[in-house]
Amino acid sequence: PSRVDKDESKNGSTHDSDVTAMIGTLFLWCFWPSFNSYFASNDARANRGVINTYLSLMCSVSATFIICVLVYKGKLRMVEVQNSTIAGGVAIGTCADIDR
């Protein structure tokens, strides 16, 4: 085996790294909405920012569940769920508290 083959065997995830990544994803679900609404000008806009962030996270993860079922033949991949959580939070980050 070449050097490339040996390095590729170390690129896989382990159970411990998957659990740590899932804990990080749960922290994103808990704290990202307050981060997105921190600079809102009043309480109503801050509440809107939190709600919009949760909606964005839920929609991106729900879409990921549906796509994983279709693409991976019913098997859910947690890496995809973690990536979609980050994508949903980032996508709504600049406009979370805007109403129009």
C-alpha atoms as a PDB file:
ATOM      1  CA  PRO A   1       0.000   0.000   0.000  1.00  0.00           C
ATOM      2  CA  SER A   2       1.125   3.476  -0.768  1.00  0.00           C
ATOM      3  CA  ARG A   3       1.343   6.316   1.731  1.00  0.00           C
ATOM      4  CA  VAL A   4      -1.991   7.702   0.525  1.00  0.00           C
ATOM      5  CA  ASP A   5      -3.775   4.448   1.416  1.00  0.00           C
ATOM      6  CA  LYS A   6      -2.372   4.535   4.938  1.00  0.00           C
ATOM      7  CA  ASP A   7      -3.484   8.159   5.471  1.00  0.00           C
ATOM      8  CA  GLU A   8      -7.017   7.524   4.205  1.00  0.00           C
ATOM      9  CA  SER A   9      -7.604   4.921   6.897  1.00  0.00           C
ATOM     10  CA  LYS A  10      -7.201   7.644   9.525  1.00  0.00           C
ATOM     11  CA  ASN A  11      -9.859   9.908   7.967  1.00  0.00           C
ATOM     12  CA  GLY A  12     -12.849   7.973   9.296  1.00  0.00           C
ATOM     13  CA  SER A  13     -14.831   8.966  12.352  1.00  0.00           C
ATOM     14  CA  THR A  14     -14.928   7.080  15.618  1.00  0.00           C
ATOM     15  CA  HIS A  15     -17.783   6.657  18.058  1.00  0.00           C
ATOM     16  CA  ASP A  16     -16.238   9.206  20.423  1.00  0.00           C
ATOM     17  CA  SER A  17     -15.830  11.845  17.711  1.00  0.00           C
ATOM     18  CA  ASP A  18     -19.419  11.265  16.551  1.00  0.00           C
ATOM     19  CA  VAL A  19     -20.768  11.690  20.090  1.00  0.00           C
ATOM     20  CA  THR A  20     -18.701  14.846  20.617  1.00  0.00           C
ATOM     21  CA  ALA A  21     -19.941  16.290  17.325  1.00  0.00           C
ATOM     22  CA  MET A  22     -23.550  15.507  18.254  1.00  0.00           C
ATOM     23  CA  ILE A  23     -23.132  17.268  21.611  1.00  0.00           C
ATOM     24  CA  GLY A  24     -21.796  20.280  19.716  1.00  0.00           C
ATOM     25  CA  THR A  25     -24.855  20.166  17.452  1.00  0.00           C
ATOM     26  CA  LEU A  26     -27.131  20.199  20.500  1.00  0.00           C
ATOM     27  CA  PHE A  27     -25.284  23.259  21.796  1.00  0.00           C
ATOM     28  CA  LEU A  28     -25.888  24.943  18.438  1.00  0.00           C
ATOM     29  CA  TRP A  29     -29.620  24.243  18.765  1.00  0.00           C
ATOM     30  CA  CYS A  30     -29.618  25.739  22.277  1.00  0.00           C
ATOM     31  CA  PHE A  31     -27.470  28.832  21.792  1.00  0.00           C
ATOM     32  CA  TRP A  32     -27.487  29.818  18.107  1.00  0.00           C
ATOM     33  CA  PRO A  33     -30.923  31.529  18.256  1.00  0.00           C
ATOM     34  CA  SER A  34     -29.810  33.839  21.058  1.00  0.00           C
ATOM     35  CA  PHE A  35     -26.604  34.569  19.169  1.00  0.00           C
ATOM     36  CA  ASN A  36     -28.567  35.526  16.041  1.00  0.00           C
ATOM     37  CA  SER A  37     -30.919  37.816  17.961  1.00  0.00           C
ATOM     38  CA  TYR A  38     -28.320  39.534  20.159  1.00  0.00           C
ATOM     39  CA  PHE A  39     -28.044  42.715  18.074  1.00  0.00           C
ATOM     40  CA  ALA A  40     -31.794  43.172  17.581  1.00  0.00           C
ATOM     41  CA  SER A  41     -32.984  46.709  18.319  1.00  0.00           C
ATOM     42  CA  ASN A  42     -35.915  45.752  20.588  1.00  0.00           C
ATOM     43  CA  ASP A  43     -37.567  42.775  22.275  1.00  0.00           C
ATOM     44  CA  ALA A  44     -40.022  42.118  19.460  1.00  0.00           C
ATOM     45  CA  ARG A  45     -37.215  41.870  16.916  1.00  0.00           C
ATOM     46  CA  ALA A  46     -35.186  39.682  19.284  1.00  0.00           C
ATOM     47  CA  ASN A  47     -38.129  37.290  19.662  1.00  0.00           C
ATOM     48  CA  ARG A  48     -38.567  37.244  15.882  1.00  0.00           C
ATOM     49  CA  GLY A  49     -34.869  36.456  15.501  1.00  0.00           C
ATOM     50  CA  VAL A  50     -35.118  33.484  17.850  1.00  0.00           C
ATOM     51  CA  ILE A  51     -38.248  32.140  16.159  1.00  0.00           C
ATOM     52  CA  ASN A  52     -36.821  32.601  12.651  1.00  0.00           C
ATOM     53  CA  THR A  53     -33.597  30.868  13.651  1.00  0.00           C
ATOM     54  CA  TYR A  54     -35.450  27.869  15.085  1.00  0.00           C
ATOM     55  CA  LEU A  55     -37.595  27.688  11.946  1.00  0.00           C
ATOM     56  CA  SER A  56     -34.492  27.761   9.764  1.00  0.00           C
ATOM     57  CA  LEU A  57     -32.821  25.023  11.803  1.00  0.00           C
ATOM     58  CA  MET A  58     -35.945  22.852  11.749  1.00  0.00           C
ATOM     59  CA  CYS A  59     -36.468  23.261   8.006  1.00  0.00           C
ATOM     60  CA  SER A  60     -32.870  22.504   7.098  1.00  0.00           C
ATOM     61  CA  VAL A  61     -32.732  19.411   9.308  1.00  0.00           C
ATOM     62  CA  SER A  62     -36.159  18.200   8.127  1.00  0.00           C
ATOM     63  CA  ALA A  63     -35.066  18.559   4.515  1.00  0.00           C
ATOM     64  CA  THR A  64     -31.916  16.617   5.357  1.00  0.00           C
ATOM     65  CA  PHE A  65     -33.973  13.771   6.864  1.00  0.00           C
ATOM     66  CA  ILE A  66     -36.053  13.552   3.693  1.00  0.00           C
ATOM     67  CA  ILE A  67     -33.060  13.702   1.370  1.00  0.00           C
ATOM     68  CA  CYS A  68     -31.118  11.108   3.407  1.00  0.00           C
ATOM     69  CA  VAL A  69     -34.059   8.707   3.224  1.00  0.00           C
ATOM     70  CA  LEU A  70     -34.230   9.120  -0.543  1.00  0.00           C
ATOM     71  CA  VAL A  71     -30.509   9.124  -1.331  1.00  0.00           C
ATOM     72  CA  TYR A  72     -29.186   6.625   1.227  1.00  0.00           C
ATOM     73  CA  LYS A  73     -32.173   4.254   0.971  1.00  0.00           C
ATOM     74  CA  GLY A  74     -33.623   4.851   4.425  1.00  0.00           C
ATOM     75  CA  LYS A  75     -30.381   5.239   6.335  1.00  0.00           C
ATOM     76  CA  LEU A  76     -29.924   8.444   8.322  1.00  0.00           C
ATOM     77  CA  ARG A  77     -26.398   9.852   8.426  1.00  0.00           C
ATOM     78  CA  MET A  78     -25.666  12.041  11.435  1.00  0.00           C
ATOM     79  CA  VAL A  79     -22.892  13.909   9.638  1.00  0.00           C
ATOM     80  CA  GLU A  80     -25.488  15.255   7.224  1.00  0.00           C
ATOM     81  CA  VAL A  81     -27.735  16.334  10.120  1.00  0.00           C
ATOM     82  CA  GLN A  82     -24.844  18.143  11.794  1.00  0.00           C
ATOM     83  CA  ASN A  83     -23.909  19.928   8.567  1.00  0.00           C
ATOM     84  CA  SER A  84     -27.500  20.958   7.917  1.00  0.00           C
ATOM     85  CA  THR A  85     -27.766  22.437  11.422  1.00  0.00           C
ATOM     86  CA  ILE A  86     -24.773  24.636  10.729  1.00  0.00           C
ATOM     87  CA  ALA A  87     -26.118  25.560   7.288  1.00  0.00           C
ATOM     88  CA  GLY A  88     -29.534  26.512   8.668  1.00  0.00           C
ATOM     89  CA  GLY A  89     -28.054  28.729  11.364  1.00  0.00           C
ATOM     90  CA  VAL A  90     -25.669  30.452   8.994  1.00  0.00           C
ATOM     91  CA  ALA A  91     -28.308  30.972   6.310  1.00  0.00           C
ATOM     92  CA  ILE A  92     -30.631  32.877   8.648  1.00  0.00           C
ATOM     93  CA  GLY A  93     -27.893  34.647  10.604  1.00  0.00           C
ATOM     94  CA  THR A  94     -27.842  37.948   8.710  1.00  0.00           C
ATOM     95  CA  CYS A  95     -31.596  38.405   8.470  1.00  0.00           C
ATOM     96  CA  ALA A  96     -32.998  36.636  11.536  1.00  0.00           C
ATOM     97  CA  ASP A  97     -34.733  39.667  13.041  1.00  0.00           C
ATOM     98  CA  ILE A  98     -36.013  41.253   9.815  1.00  0.00           C
ATOM     99  CA  ASP A  99     -39.776  41.179   9.312  1.00  0.00           C
ATOM    100  CA  ARG A 100     -40.057  42.382   5.678  1.00  0.00           C
END
